[in-house]
Amino acid sequence: IGLPGETVEIKETKVFINGELLDEPYLAVDTLGRYGPYHVPEGHI
């Protein structure tokens, strides 16, 4: 979902990468809960 250096946040049943909505056509359900923001370190995902 998140690549090195990016910020991931889950809110309003959606995932946002660096503040932009992530298109996830592979999902069958919404993402419940609020998580993040997560700042992905370099060399990690």
ModelCIF file with pLDDT and N, C-alpha, C, O atoms, coordinates in Angstrom:
data_MODEL
#
_entry.id   MODEL 
#
_entity.id                         1 
_entity.type                       polymer 
_entity.pdbx_number_of_molecules   1 
#
_entity_poly.entity_id                      1 
_entity_poly.type                           'polypeptide(L)' 
_entity_poly.nstd_linkage                   no 
_entity_poly.nstd_monomer                   no 
_entity_poly.pdbx_seq_one_letter_code       IGLPGETVEIKETKVFINGELLDEPYLAVDTLGRYGPYHVPEGHI 
_entity_poly.pdbx_seq_one_letter_code_can   IGLPGETVEIKETKVFINGELLDEPYLAVDTLGRYGPYHVPEGHI 
_entity_poly.pdbx_strand_id                 A 
#
loop_
_entity_poly_seq.entity_id 
_entity_poly_seq.num 
_entity_poly_seq.mon_id 
_entity_poly_seq.hetero 
1 1  ILE n 
1 2  GLY n 
1 3  LEU n 
1 4  PRO n 
1 5  GLY n 
1 6  GLU n 
1 7  THR n 
1 8  VAL n 
1 9  GLU n 
1 10 ILE n 
1 11 LYS n 
1 12 GLU n 
1 13 THR n 
1 14 LYS n 
1 15 VAL n 
1 16 PHE n 
1 17 ILE n 
1 18 ASN n 
1 19 GLY n 
1 20 GLU n 
1 21 LEU n 
1 22 LEU n 
1 23 ASP n 
1 24 GLU n 
1 25 PRO n 
1 26 TYR n 
1 27 LEU n 
1 28 ALA n 
1 29 VAL n 
1 30 ASP n 
1 31 THR n 
1 32 LEU n 
1 33 GLY n 
1 34 ARG n 
1 35 TYR n 
1 36 GLY n 
1 37 PRO n 
1 38 TYR n 
1 39 HIS n 
1 40 VAL n 
1 41 PRO n 
1 42 GLU n 
1 43 GLY n 
1 44 HIS n 
1 45 ILE n 
#
_struct_asym.id          A 
_struct_asym.entity_id   1 
#
loop_
_ma_qa_metric.id 
_ma_qa_metric.mode 
_ma_qa_metric.name 
_ma_qa_metric.software_group_id 
_ma_qa_metric.type 
1 global pLDDT . pLDDT 
2 local  pLDDT . pLDDT 
#
_ma_qa_metric_global.metric_id      1 
_ma_qa_metric_global.metric_value   96.24 
_ma_qa_metric_global.model_id       1 
_ma_qa_metric_global.ordinal_id     1 
#
loop_
_ma_qa_metric_local.label_asym_id 
_ma_qa_metric_local.label_comp_id 
_ma_qa_metric_local.label_seq_id 
_ma_qa_metric_local.metric_id 
_ma_qa_metric_local.metric_value 
_ma_qa_metric_local.model_id 
_ma_qa_metric_local.ordinal_id 
A ILE 1  2 98.00 1 1  
A GLY 2  2 98.00 1 2  
A LEU 3  2 98.00 1 3  
A PRO 4  2 98.00 1 4  
A GLY 5  2 97.00 1 5  
A GLU 6  2 98.00 1 6  
A THR 7  2 98.00 1 7  
A VAL 8  2 98.00 1 8  
A GLU 9  2 98.00 1 9  
A ILE 10 2 97.00 1 10 
A LYS 11 2 95.00 1 11 
A GLU 12 2 93.00 1 12 
A THR 13 2 95.00 1 13 
A LYS 14 2 96.00 1 14 
A VAL 15 2 97.00 1 15 
A PHE 16 2 98.00 1 16 
A ILE 17 2 98.00 1 17 
A ASN 18 2 98.00 1 18 
A GLY 19 2 96.00 1 19 
A GLU 20 2 97.00 1 20 
A LEU 21 2 97.00 1 21 
A LEU 22 2 97.00 1 22 
A ASP 23 2 96.00 1 23 
A GLU 24 2 96.00 1 24 
A PRO 25 2 95.00 1 25 
A TYR 26 2 95.00 1 26 
A LEU 27 2 95.00 1 27 
A ALA 28 2 91.00 1 28 
A VAL 29 2 90.00 1 29 
A ASP 30 2 92.00 1 30 
A THR 31 2 94.00 1 31 
A LEU 32 2 94.00 1 32 
A GLY 33 2 94.00 1 33 
A ARG 34 2 96.00 1 34 
A TYR 35 2 96.00 1 35 
A GLY 36 2 94.00 1 36 
A PRO 37 2 97.00 1 37 
A TYR 38 2 97.00 1 38 
A HIS 39 2 98.00 1 39 
A VAL 40 2 98.00 1 40 
A PRO 41 2 98.00 1 41 
A GLU 42 2 97.00 1 42 
A GLY 43 2 97.00 1 43 
A HIS 44 2 98.00 1 44 
A ILE 45 2 98.00 1 45 
#
loop_
_atom_site.group_PDB 
_atom_site.id 
_atom_site.type_symbol 
_atom_site.label_atom_id 
_atom_site.label_alt_id 
_atom_site.label_comp_id 
_atom_site.label_asym_id 
_atom_site.label_entity_id 
_atom_site.label_seq_id 
_atom_site.pdbx_PDB_ins_code 
_atom_site.Cartn_x 
_atom_site.Cartn_y 
_atom_site.Cartn_z 
_atom_site.occupancy 
_atom_site.B_iso_or_equiv 
_atom_site.pdbx_formal_charge 
_atom_site.auth_seq_id 
_atom_site.auth_comp_id 
_atom_site.auth_asym_id 
_atom_site.auth_atom_id 
_atom_site.pdbx_PDB_model_num 
ATOM 1   N N  . ILE A 1 1  ? 0.829   -1.204 0.000  1.00 98.00 ? 1  ILE A N  1 
ATOM 2   C CA . ILE A 1 1  ? 0.000   0.000  0.000  1.00 98.00 ? 1  ILE A CA 1 
ATOM 3   C C  . ILE A 1 1  ? 0.864   1.255  0.000  1.00 98.00 ? 1  ILE A C  1 
ATOM 4   O O  . ILE A 1 1  ? 0.698   2.127  -0.853 1.00 98.00 ? 1  ILE A O  1 
ATOM 5   N N  . GLY A 1 2  ? 1.782   1.347  0.953  1.00 98.00 ? 2  GLY A N  1 
ATOM 6   C CA . GLY A 1 2  ? 2.632   2.531  1.051  1.00 98.00 ? 2  GLY A CA 1 
ATOM 7   C C  . GLY A 1 2  ? 4.069   2.216  0.692  1.00 98.00 ? 2  GLY A C  1 
ATOM 8   O O  . GLY A 1 2  ? 4.605   1.187  1.103  1.00 98.00 ? 2  GLY A O  1 
ATOM 9   N N  . LEU A 1 3  ? 4.695   3.095  -0.074 1.00 98.00 ? 3  LEU A N  1 
ATOM 10  C CA . LEU A 1 3  ? 6.083   2.922  -0.508 1.00 98.00 ? 3  LEU A CA 1 
ATOM 11  C C  . LEU A 1 3  ? 7.023   3.765  0.355  1.00 98.00 ? 3  LEU A C  1 
ATOM 12  O O  . LEU A 1 3  ? 6.561   4.629  1.100  1.00 98.00 ? 3  LEU A O  1 
ATOM 13  N N  . PRO A 1 4  ? 8.336   3.525  0.264  1.00 98.00 ? 4  PRO A N  1 
ATOM 14  C CA . PRO A 1 4  ? 9.292   4.277  1.085  1.00 98.00 ? 4  PRO A CA 1 
ATOM 15  C C  . PRO A 1 4  ? 9.123   5.788  0.941  1.00 98.00 ? 4  PRO A C  1 
ATOM 16  O O  . PRO A 1 4  ? 9.030   6.312  -0.169 1.00 98.00 ? 4  PRO A O  1 
ATOM 17  N N  . GLY A 1 5  ? 9.084   6.490  2.101  1.00 97.00 ? 5  GLY A N  1 
ATOM 18  C CA . GLY A 1 5  ? 8.977   7.945  2.101  1.00 97.00 ? 5  GLY A CA 1 
ATOM 19  C C  . GLY A 1 5  ? 7.558   8.481  2.037  1.00 97.00 ? 5  GLY A C  1 
ATOM 20  O O  . GLY A 1 5  ? 7.354   9.687  2.178  1.00 97.00 ? 5  GLY A O  1 
ATOM 21  N N  . GLU A 1 6  ? 6.563   7.610  1.828  1.00 98.00 ? 6  GLU A N  1 
ATOM 22  C CA . GLU A 1 6  ? 5.182   8.080  1.699  1.00 98.00 ? 6  GLU A CA 1 
ATOM 23  C C  . GLU A 1 6  ? 4.472   8.137  3.063  1.00 98.00 ? 6  GLU A C  1 
ATOM 24  O O  . GLU A 1 6  ? 4.935   7.556  4.045  1.00 98.00 ? 6  GLU A O  1 
ATOM 25  N N  . THR A 1 7  ? 3.350   8.846  3.094  1.00 98.00 ? 7  THR A N  1 
ATOM 26  C CA . THR A 1 7  ? 2.500   8.918  4.281  1.00 98.00 ? 7  THR A CA 1 
ATOM 27  C C  . THR A 1 7  ? 1.174   8.231  3.975  1.00 98.00 ? 7  THR A C  1 
ATOM 28  O O  . THR A 1 7  ? 0.492   8.563  3.005  1.00 98.00 ? 7  THR A O  1 
ATOM 29  N N  . VAL A 1 8  ? 0.824   7.263  4.828  1.00 98.00 ? 8  VAL A N  1 
ATOM 30  C CA . VAL A 1 8  ? -0.413  6.490  4.653  1.00 98.00 ? 8  VAL A CA 1 
ATOM 31  C C  . VAL A 1 8  ? -1.380  6.865  5.775  1.00 98.00 ? 8  VAL A C  1 
ATOM 32  O O  . VAL A 1 8  ? -1.008  6.926  6.947  1.00 98.00 ? 8  VAL A O  1 
ATOM 33  N N  . GLU A 1 9  ? -2.631  7.116  5.382  1.00 98.00 ? 9  GLU A N  1 
ATOM 34  C CA . GLU A 1 9  ? -3.662  7.405  6.378  1.00 98.00 ? 9  GLU A CA 1 
ATOM 35  C C  . GLU A 1 9  ? -4.964  6.727  5.962  1.00 98.00 ? 9  GLU A C  1 
ATOM 36  O O  . GLU A 1 9  ? -5.337  6.749  4.790  1.00 98.00 ? 9  GLU A O  1 
ATOM 37  N N  . ILE A 1 10 ? -5.653  6.122  6.935  1.00 97.00 ? 10 ILE A N  1 
ATOM 38  C CA . ILE A 1 10 ? -6.943  5.476  6.692  1.00 97.00 ? 10 ILE A CA 1 
ATOM 39  C C  . ILE A 1 10 ? -8.010  6.269  7.434  1.00 97.00 ? 10 ILE A C  1 
ATOM 40  O O  . ILE A 1 10 ? -7.941  6.424  8.653  1.00 97.00 ? 10 ILE A O  1 
ATOM 41  N N  . LYS A 1 11 ? -8.997  6.772  6.696  1.00 95.00 ? 11 LYS A N  1 
ATOM 42  C CA . LYS A 1 11 ? -10.088 7.538  7.299  1.00 95.00 ? 11 LYS A CA 1 
ATOM 43  C C  . LYS A 1 11 ? -11.280 7.522  6.352  1.00 95.00 ? 11 LYS A C  1 
ATOM 44  O O  . LYS A 1 11 ? -11.124 7.388  5.139  1.00 95.00 ? 11 LYS A O  1 
ATOM 45  N N  . GLU A 1 12 ? -12.473 7.662  6.923  1.00 93.00 ? 12 GLU A N  1 
ATOM 46  C CA . GLU A 1 12 ? -13.706 7.720  6.132  1.00 93.00 ? 12 GLU A CA 1 
ATOM 47  C C  . GLU A 1 12 ? -13.818 6.509  5.207  1.00 93.00 ? 12 GLU A C  1 
ATOM 48  O O  . GLU A 1 12 ? -14.267 6.629  4.067  1.00 93.00 ? 12 GLU A O  1 
ATOM 49  N N  . THR A 1 13 ? -13.402 5.326  5.714  1.00 95.00 ? 13 THR A N  1 
ATOM 50  C CA . THR A 1 13 ? -13.441 4.020  5.004  1.00 95.00 ? 13 THR A CA 1 
ATOM 51  C C  . THR A 1 13 ? -12.525 3.973  3.779  1.00 95.00 ? 13 THR A C  1 
ATOM 52  O O  . THR A 1 13 ? -12.649 3.066  2.955  1.00 95.00 ? 13 THR A O  1 
ATOM 53  N N  . LYS A 1 14 ? -11.617 4.927  3.649  1.00 96.00 ? 14 LYS A N  1 
ATOM 54  C CA . LYS A 1 14 ? -10.737 4.956  2.476  1.00 96.00 ? 14 LYS A CA 1 
ATOM 55  C C  . LYS A 1 14 ? -9.277  5.090  2.904  1.00 96.00 ? 14 LYS A C  1 
ATOM 56  O O  . LYS A 1 14 ? -8.974  5.447  4.042  1.00 96.00 ? 14 LYS A O  1 
ATOM 57  N N  . VAL A 1 15 ? -8.381  4.795  1.957  1.00 97.00 ? 15 VAL A N  1 
ATOM 58  C CA . VAL A 1 15 ? -6.944  4.915  2.190  1.00 97.00 ? 15 VAL A CA 1 
ATOM 59  C C  . VAL A 1 15 ? -6.419  6.106  1.396  1.00 97.00 ? 15 VAL A C  1 
ATOM 60  O O  . VAL A 1 15 ? -6.764  6.296  0.229  1.00 97.00 ? 15 VAL A O  1 
ATOM 61  N N  . PHE A 1 16 ? -5.587  6.894  2.045  1.00 98.00 ? 16 PHE A N  1 
ATOM 62  C CA . PHE A 1 16 ? -5.007  8.070  1.399  1.00 98.00 ? 16 PHE A CA 1 
ATOM 63  C C  . PHE A 1 16 ? -3.478  7.954  1.428  1.00 98.00 ? 16 PHE A C  1 
ATOM 64  O O  . PHE A 1 16 ? -2.886  7.605  2.449  1.00 98.00 ? 16 PHE A O  1 
ATOM 65  N N  . ILE A 1 17 ? -2.865  8.250  0.302  1.00 98.00 ? 17 ILE A N  1 
ATOM 66  C CA . ILE A 1 17 ? -1.406  8.258  0.176  1.00 98.00 ? 17 ILE A CA 1 
ATOM 67  C C  . ILE A 1 17 ? -0.962  9.692  -0.078 1.00 98.00 ? 17 ILE A C  1 
ATOM 68  O O  . ILE A 1 17 ? -1.319  10.293 -1.092 1.00 98.00 ? 17 ILE A O  1 
ATOM 69  N N  . ASN A 1 18 ? -0.183  10.234 0.848  1.00 98.00 ? 18 ASN A N  1 
ATOM 70  C CA . ASN A 1 18 ? 0.255   11.636 0.755  1.00 98.00 ? 18 ASN A CA 1 
ATOM 71  C C  . ASN A 1 18 ? -0.941  12.568 0.550  1.00 98.00 ? 18 ASN A C  1 
ATOM 72  O O  . ASN A 1 18 ? -0.861  13.556 -0.180 1.00 98.00 ? 18 ASN A O  1 
ATOM 73  N N  . GLY A 1 19 ? -2.051  12.230 1.211  1.00 96.00 ? 19 GLY A N  1 
ATOM 74  C CA . GLY A 1 19 ? -3.238  13.087 1.151  1.00 96.00 ? 19 GLY A CA 1 
ATOM 75  C C  . GLY A 1 19 ? -4.156  12.806 -0.018 1.00 96.00 ? 19 GLY A C  1 
ATOM 76  O O  . GLY A 1 19 ? -5.231  13.401 -0.097 1.00 96.00 ? 19 GLY A O  1 
ATOM 77  N N  . GLU A 1 20 ? -3.776  11.916 -0.940 1.00 97.00 ? 20 GLU A N  1 
ATOM 78  C CA . GLU A 1 20 ? -4.612  11.629 -2.104 1.00 97.00 ? 20 GLU A CA 1 
ATOM 79  C C  . GLU A 1 20 ? -5.268  10.253 -1.968 1.00 97.00 ? 20 GLU A C  1 
ATOM 80  O O  . GLU A 1 20 ? -4.653  9.295  -1.500 1.00 97.00 ? 20 GLU A O  1 
ATOM 81  N N  . LEU A 1 21 ? -6.539  10.184 -2.394 1.00 97.00 ? 21 LEU A N  1 
ATOM 82  C CA . LEU A 1 21 ? -7.310  8.950  -2.292 1.00 97.00 ? 21 LEU A CA 1 
ATOM 83  C C  . LEU A 1 21 ? -6.671  7.852  -3.145 1.00 97.00 ? 21 LEU A C  1 
ATOM 84  O O  . LEU A 1 21 ? -6.327  8.076  -4.305 1.00 97.00 ? 21 LEU A O  1 
ATOM 85  N N  . LEU A 1 22 ? -6.517  6.661  -2.556 1.00 97.00 ? 22 LEU A N  1 
ATOM 86  C CA . LEU A 1 22 ? -5.952  5.520  -3.274 1.00 97.00 ? 22 LEU A CA 1 
ATOM 87  C C  . LEU A 1 22 ? -7.069  4.708  -3.901 1.00 97.00 ? 22 LEU A C  1 
ATOM 88  O O  . LEU A 1 22 ? -8.001  4.299  -3.209 1.00 97.00 ? 22 LEU A O  1 
ATOM 89  N N  . ASP A 1 23 ? -6.987  4.473  -5.191 1.00 96.00 ? 23 ASP A N  1 
ATOM 90  C CA . ASP A 1 23 ? -7.954  3.639  -5.899 1.00 96.00 ? 23 ASP A CA 1 
ATOM 91  C C  . ASP A 1 23 ? -7.633  2.168  -5.628 1.00 96.00 ? 23 ASP A C  1 
ATOM 92  O O  . ASP A 1 23 ? -6.527  1.714  -5.920 1.00 96.00 ? 23 ASP A O  1 
ATOM 93  N N  . GLU A 1 24 ? -8.595  1.422  -5.072 1.00 96.00 ? 24 GLU A N  1 
ATOM 94  C CA . GLU A 1 24 ? -8.374  0.023  -4.714 1.00 96.00 ? 24 GLU A CA 1 
ATOM 95  C C  . GLU A 1 24 ? -9.489  -0.869 -5.281 1.00 96.00 ? 24 GLU A C  1 
ATOM 96  O O  . GLU A 1 24 ? -10.382 -1.285 -4.542 1.00 96.00 ? 24 GLU A O  1 
ATOM 97  N N  . PRO A 1 25 ? -9.442  -1.161 -6.571 1.00 95.00 ? 25 PRO A N  1 
ATOM 98  C CA . PRO A 1 25 ? -10.508 -1.956 -7.204 1.00 95.00 ? 25 PRO A CA 1 
ATOM 99  C C  . PRO A 1 25 ? -10.552 -3.407 -6.752 1.00 95.00 ? 25 PRO A C  1 
ATOM 100 O O  . PRO A 1 25 ? -11.535 -4.102 -7.009 1.00 95.00 ? 25 PRO A O  1 
ATOM 101 N N  . TYR A 1 26 ? -9.507  -3.875 -6.084 1.00 95.00 ? 26 TYR A N  1 
ATOM 102 C CA . TYR A 1 26 ? -9.442  -5.262 -5.634 1.00 95.00 ? 26 TYR A CA 1 
ATOM 103 C C  . TYR A 1 26 ? -10.214 -5.504 -4.346 1.00 95.00 ? 26 TYR A C  1 
ATOM 104 O O  . TYR A 1 26 ? -10.381 -6.656 -3.947 1.00 95.00 ? 26 TYR A O  1 
ATOM 105 N N  . LEU A 1 27 ? -10.693 -4.450 -3.681 1.00 95.00 ? 27 LEU A N  1 
ATOM 106 C CA . LEU A 1 27 ? -11.392 -4.601 -2.411 1.00 95.00 ? 27 LEU A CA 1 
ATOM 107 C C  . LEU A 1 27 ? -12.863 -4.952 -2.620 1.00 95.00 ? 27 LEU A C  1 
ATOM 108 O O  . LEU A 1 27 ? -13.503 -4.485 -3.563 1.00 95.00 ? 27 LEU A O  1 
ATOM 109 N N  . ALA A 1 28 ? -13.387 -5.793 -1.709 1.00 91.00 ? 28 ALA A N  1 
ATOM 110 C CA . ALA A 1 28 ? -14.814 -6.125 -1.719 1.00 91.00 ? 28 ALA A CA 1 
ATOM 111 C C  . ALA A 1 28 ? -15.550 -5.411 -0.590 1.00 91.00 ? 28 ALA A C  1 
ATOM 112 O O  . ALA A 1 28 ? -16.781 -5.390 -0.566 1.00 91.00 ? 28 ALA A O  1 
ATOM 113 N N  . VAL A 1 29 ? -14.795 -4.822 0.354  1.00 90.00 ? 29 VAL A N  1 
ATOM 114 C CA . VAL A 1 29 ? -15.404 -4.140 1.512  1.00 90.00 ? 29 VAL A CA 1 
ATOM 115 C C  . VAL A 1 29 ? -14.684 -2.812 1.742  1.00 90.00 ? 29 VAL A C  1 
ATOM 116 O O  . VAL A 1 29 ? -13.569 -2.604 1.264  1.00 90.00 ? 29 VAL A O  1 
ATOM 117 N N  . ASP A 1 30 ? -15.335 -1.929 2.475  1.00 92.00 ? 30 ASP A N  1 
ATOM 118 C CA . ASP A 1 30 ? -14.698 -0.679 2.876  1.00 92.00 ? 30 ASP A CA 1 
ATOM 119 C C  . ASP A 1 30 ? -13.696 -0.932 3.995  1.00 92.00 ? 30 ASP A C  1 
ATOM 120 O O  . ASP A 1 30 ? -13.764 -1.951 4.682  1.00 92.00 ? 30 ASP A O  1 
ATOM 121 N N  . THR A 1 31 ? -12.780 -0.008 4.171  1.00 94.00 ? 31 THR A N  1 
ATOM 122 C CA . THR A 1 31 ? -11.790 -0.103 5.239  1.00 94.00 ? 31 THR A CA 1 
ATOM 123 C C  . THR A 1 31 ? -12.307 0.634  6.459  1.00 94.00 ? 31 THR A C  1 
ATOM 124 O O  . THR A 1 31 ? -12.324 1.865  6.494  1.00 94.00 ? 31 THR A O  1 
ATOM 125 N N  . LEU A 1 32 ? -12.732 -0.137 7.471  1.00 94.00 ? 32 LEU A N  1 
ATOM 126 C CA . LEU A 1 32 ? -13.310 0.475  8.662  1.00 94.00 ? 32 LEU A CA 1 
ATOM 127 C C  . LEU A 1 32 ? -12.224 0.977  9.613  1.00 94.00 ? 32 LEU A C  1 
ATOM 128 O O  . LEU A 1 32 ? -11.106 0.462  9.630  1.00 94.00 ? 32 LEU A O  1 
ATOM 129 N N  . GLY A 1 33 ? -12.572 1.984  10.395 1.00 94.00 ? 33 GLY A N  1 
ATOM 130 C CA . GLY A 1 33 ? -11.644 2.508  11.385 1.00 94.00 ? 33 GLY A CA 1 
ATOM 131 C C  . GLY A 1 33 ? -10.795 3.641  10.854 1.00 94.00 ? 33 GLY A C  1 
ATOM 132 O O  . GLY A 1 33 ? -10.755 3.922  9.656  1.00 94.00 ? 33 GLY A O  1 
ATOM 133 N N  . ARG A 1 34 ? -10.120 4.277  11.789 1.00 96.00 ? 34 ARG A N  1 
ATOM 134 C CA . ARG A 1 34 ? -9.202  5.359  11.432 1.00 96.00 ? 34 ARG A CA 1 
ATOM 135 C C  . ARG A 1 34 ? -7.808  4.998  11.908 1.00 96.00 ? 34 ARG A C  1 
ATOM 136 O O  . ARG A 1 34 ? -7.612  4.644  13.071 1.00 96.00 ? 34 ARG A O  1 
ATOM 137 N N  . TYR A 1 35 ? -6.840  5.089  11.006 1.00 96.00 ? 35 TYR A N  1 
ATOM 138 C CA . TYR A 1 35 ? -5.469  4.692  11.322 1.00 96.00 ? 35 TYR A CA 1 
ATOM 139 C C  . TYR A 1 35 ? -4.501  5.724  10.729 1.00 96.00 ? 35 TYR A C  1 
ATOM 140 O O  . TYR A 1 35 ? -4.748  6.309  9.674  1.00 96.00 ? 35 TYR A O  1 
ATOM 141 N N  . GLY A 1 36 ? -3.413  5.918  11.433 1.00 94.00 ? 36 GLY A N  1 
ATOM 142 C CA . GLY A 1 36 ? -2.371  6.795  10.912 1.00 94.00 ? 36 GLY A CA 1 
ATOM 143 C C  . GLY A 1 36 ? -2.530  8.235  11.366 1.00 94.00 ? 36 GLY A C  1 
ATOM 144 O O  . GLY A 1 36 ? -3.309  8.534  12.271 1.00 94.00 ? 36 GLY A O  1 
ATOM 145 N N  . PRO A 1 37 ? -1.790  9.112  10.733 1.00 97.00 ? 37 PRO A N  1 
ATOM 146 C CA . PRO A 1 37 ? -0.938  8.842  9.563  1.00 97.00 ? 37 PRO A CA 1 
ATOM 147 C C  . PRO A 1 37 ? 0.336   8.053  9.896  1.00 97.00 ? 37 PRO A C  1 
ATOM 148 O O  . PRO A 1 37 ? 0.932   8.213  10.961 1.00 97.00 ? 37 PRO A O  1 
ATOM 149 N N  . TYR A 1 38 ? 0.731   7.188  8.936  1.00 97.00 ? 38 TYR A N  1 
ATOM 150 C CA . TYR A 1 38 ? 1.966   6.411  9.037  1.00 97.00 ? 38 TYR A CA 1 
ATOM 151 C C  . TYR A 1 38 ? 2.977   6.980  8.053  1.00 97.00 ? 38 TYR A C  1 
ATOM 152 O O  . TYR A 1 38 ? 2.673   7.141  6.871  1.00 97.00 ? 38 TYR A O  1 
ATOM 153 N N  . HIS A 1 39 ? 4.161   7.282  8.526  1.00 98.00 ? 39 HIS A N  1 
ATOM 154 C CA . HIS A 1 39 ? 5.225   7.791  7.667  1.00 98.00 ? 39 HIS A CA 1 
ATOM 155 C C  . HIS A 1 39 ? 6.187   6.632  7.390  1.00 98.00 ? 39 HIS A C  1 
ATOM 156 O O  . HIS A 1 39 ? 6.939   6.214  8.270  1.00 98.00 ? 39 HIS A O  1 
ATOM 157 N N  . VAL A 1 40 ? 6.151   6.126  6.171  1.00 98.00 ? 40 VAL A N  1 
ATOM 158 C CA . VAL A 1 40 ? 6.909   4.921  5.822  1.00 98.00 ? 40 VAL A CA 1 
ATOM 159 C C  . VAL A 1 40 ? 8.393   5.256  5.713  1.00 98.00 ? 40 VAL A C  1 
ATOM 160 O O  . VAL A 1 40 ? 8.768   6.117  4.917  1.00 98.00 ? 40 VAL A O  1 
ATOM 161 N N  . PRO A 1 41 ? 9.247   4.593  6.498  1.00 98.00 ? 41 PRO A N  1 
ATOM 162 C CA . PRO A 1 41 ? 10.696  4.884  6.427  1.00 98.00 ? 41 PRO A CA 1 
ATOM 163 C C  . PRO A 1 41 ? 11.290  4.437  5.091  1.00 98.00 ? 41 PRO A C  1 
ATOM 164 O O  . PRO A 1 41 ? 10.735  3.590  4.392  1.00 98.00 ? 41 PRO A O  1 
ATOM 165 N N  . GLU A 1 42 ? 12.416  5.025  4.768  1.00 97.00 ? 42 GLU A N  1 
ATOM 166 C CA . GLU A 1 42 ? 13.152  4.585  3.576  1.00 97.00 ? 42 GLU A CA 1 
ATOM 167 C C  . GLU A 1 42 ? 13.544  3.113  3.747  1.00 97.00 ? 42 GLU A C  1 
ATOM 168 O O  . GLU A 1 42 ? 13.882  2.669  4.844  1.00 97.00 ? 42 GLU A O  1 
ATOM 169 N N  . GLY A 1 43 ? 13.491  2.381  2.654  1.00 97.00 ? 43 GLY A N  1 
ATOM 170 C CA . GLY A 1 43 ? 13.855  0.968  2.695  1.00 97.00 ? 43 GLY A CA 1 
ATOM 171 C C  . GLY A 1 43 ? 12.765  0.070  3.241  1.00 97.00 ? 43 GLY A C  1 
ATOM 172 O O  . GLY A 1 43 ? 13.006  -1.109 3.499  1.00 97.00 ? 43 GLY A O  1 
ATOM 173 N N  . HIS A 1 44 ? 11.546  0.618  3.425  1.00 98.00 ? 44 HIS A N  1 
ATOM 174 C CA . HIS A 1 44 ? 10.435  -0.146 3.981  1.00 98.00 ? 44 HIS A CA 1 
ATOM 175 C C  . HIS A 1 44 ? 9.158   0.081  3.167  1.00 98.00 ? 44 HIS A C  1 
ATOM 176 O O  . HIS A 1 44 ? 9.084   0.996  2.346  1.00 98.00 ? 44 HIS A O  1 
ATOM 177 N N  . ILE A 1 45 ? 8.157   -0.766 3.409  1.00 98.00 ? 45 ILE A N  1 
ATOM 178 C CA . ILE A 1 45 ? 6.845   -0.609 2.791  1.00 98.00 ? 45 ILE A CA 1 
ATOM 179 C C  . ILE A 1 45 ? 5.765   -0.798 3.857  1.00 98.00 ? 45 ILE A C  1 
ATOM 180 O O  . ILE A 1 45 ? 4.575   -0.707 3.554  1.00 98.00 ? 45 ILE A O  1 
#
